[in-house]
Amino acid sequence: MAAGLFAVAATVVLAHEVTYQGTVLAVEAARVHVKTIDLKTKKEEDAWFAIDKTTKVKRGEKSVQIADAKIAKGERIVVIVDHDAETKMLAKEIRLAARQ
């Protein structure tokens, strides 16, 4: 059992997750375009993030399907990417503000 716990802990440590915050520029069926600001250089950068069936989406505290999230141009977004994933810039999780 201890070996199993070590294996799980090692997997978590090896993940190379990066969080991007920004504003939605465009939304397509399989990707989202976001304007982000590099926190070190303070430069604006545009990035495309792939979306697939494994991408988790939260609107406020509620988990929703990507289609039900109704992501809109101009809204604030947080995208978490695992840079060790096979698909480049695949969104592991998308977080959006709750709608009123």
Protein backbone atom coordinates (compact mmCIF):
# COMPACT_ATOMS: atom_id res chain seq x y z
CA MET A 1 0.00 0.00 0.00
CA ALA A 2 2.85 2.38 0.80
CA ALA A 3 4.33 1.79 -2.65
CA GLY A 4 0.97 2.69 -4.22
CA LEU A 5 0.78 5.93 -2.27
CA PHE A 6 4.32 6.79 -3.30
CA ALA A 7 3.45 6.19 -6.97
CA VAL A 8 0.45 8.55 -6.73
CA ALA A 9 2.52 11.20 -4.95
CA ALA A 10 5.25 10.92 -7.57
CA THR A 11 2.70 11.45 -10.35
CA VAL A 12 1.42 14.62 -8.71
CA VAL A 13 4.93 16.00 -8.24
CA LEU A 14 5.89 15.30 -11.85
CA ALA A 15 2.95 17.24 -13.34
CA HIS A 16 4.07 20.58 -14.77
CA GLU A 17 0.92 22.67 -14.50
CA VAL A 18 0.91 26.31 -15.50
CA THR A 19 -1.94 28.73 -14.85
CA TYR A 20 -2.80 31.40 -17.41
CA GLN A 21 -5.12 34.31 -16.66
CA GLY A 22 -6.52 36.59 -19.28
CA THR A 23 -9.35 37.71 -21.50
CA VAL A 24 -11.12 35.60 -24.11
CA LEU A 25 -10.44 36.77 -27.67
CA ALA A 26 -12.26 33.97 -29.53
CA VAL A 27 -13.90 30.61 -28.92
CA GLU A 28 -14.02 27.67 -31.32
CA ALA A 29 -15.32 24.14 -30.86
CA ALA A 30 -11.91 22.66 -29.99
CA ARG A 31 -9.97 25.65 -28.70
CA VAL A 32 -10.09 29.03 -27.01
CA HIS A 33 -7.97 32.09 -27.82
CA VAL A 34 -6.86 34.12 -24.80
CA LYS A 35 -4.92 37.36 -24.33
CA THR A 36 -2.64 36.87 -21.33
CA ILE A 37 -0.01 38.98 -19.59
CA ASP A 38 3.37 37.44 -18.78
CA LEU A 39 3.83 38.17 -15.08
CA LYS A 40 7.63 38.43 -15.40
CA THR A 41 7.91 40.61 -18.50
CA LYS A 42 4.50 42.36 -18.21
CA LYS A 43 4.06 41.83 -21.97
CA GLU A 44 0.74 40.87 -23.49
CA GLU A 45 0.69 37.55 -25.31
CA ASP A 46 -2.00 35.72 -27.26
CA ALA A 47 -2.33 31.98 -26.75
CA TRP A 48 -4.58 29.27 -28.17
CA PHE A 49 -5.59 26.55 -25.72
CA ALA A 50 -6.89 23.21 -26.97
CA ILE A 51 -10.10 21.86 -25.45
CA ASP A 52 -11.08 18.19 -25.44
CA LYS A 53 -13.42 15.83 -23.61
CA THR A 54 -11.03 15.67 -20.63
CA THR A 55 -11.05 19.45 -20.07
CA LYS A 56 -12.90 20.36 -16.88
CA VAL A 57 -14.89 23.59 -16.94
CA LYS A 58 -16.08 25.54 -13.91
CA ARG A 59 -18.42 28.52 -14.04
CA GLY A 60 -18.18 29.94 -10.54
CA GLU A 61 -18.13 26.93 -8.22
CA LYS A 62 -20.27 24.78 -10.54
CA SER A 63 -18.79 22.23 -12.95
CA VAL A 64 -20.41 22.50 -16.39
CA GLN A 65 -20.03 21.04 -19.85
CA ILE A 66 -18.01 23.19 -22.26
CA ALA A 67 -21.11 23.89 -24.40
CA ASP A 68 -23.10 24.95 -21.33
CA ALA A 69 -20.36 27.33 -20.17
CA LYS A 70 -21.19 29.70 -23.06
CA ILE A 71 -17.73 31.27 -23.02
CA ALA A 72 -17.98 34.80 -24.43
CA LYS A 73 -15.48 37.08 -26.11
CA GLY A 74 -14.15 39.66 -23.64
CA GLU A 75 -14.79 37.72 -20.45
CA ARG A 76 -12.08 36.90 -17.94
CA ILE A 77 -10.76 33.34 -17.95
CA VAL A 78 -8.28 31.15 -16.10
CA VAL A 79 -6.78 28.21 -17.98
CA ILE A 80 -4.70 25.50 -16.31
CA VAL A 81 -2.40 23.60 -18.67
CA ASP A 82 -0.26 20.53 -18.02
CA HIS A 83 2.85 21.21 -20.10
CA ASP A 84 3.84 17.54 -19.82
CA ALA A 85 0.68 16.41 -21.66
CA GLU A 86 1.01 14.96 -25.15
CA THR A 87 -1.27 17.60 -26.70
CA LYS A 88 0.45 20.98 -26.73
CA MET A 89 -1.39 23.68 -24.74
CA LEU A 90 -4.27 21.36 -23.82
CA ALA A 91 -6.52 23.00 -21.23
CA LYS A 92 -6.75 20.69 -18.24
CA GLU A 93 -9.20 23.04 -16.54
CA ILE A 94 -11.00 26.28 -17.45
CA ARG A 95 -12.39 28.57 -14.77
CA LEU A 96 -14.90 31.30 -15.47
CA ALA A 97 -16.81 33.76 -13.29
CA ALA A 98 -20.32 32.82 -12.21
CA ARG A 99 -23.13 34.30 -14.28
CA GLN A 100 -25.80 36.31 -12.51
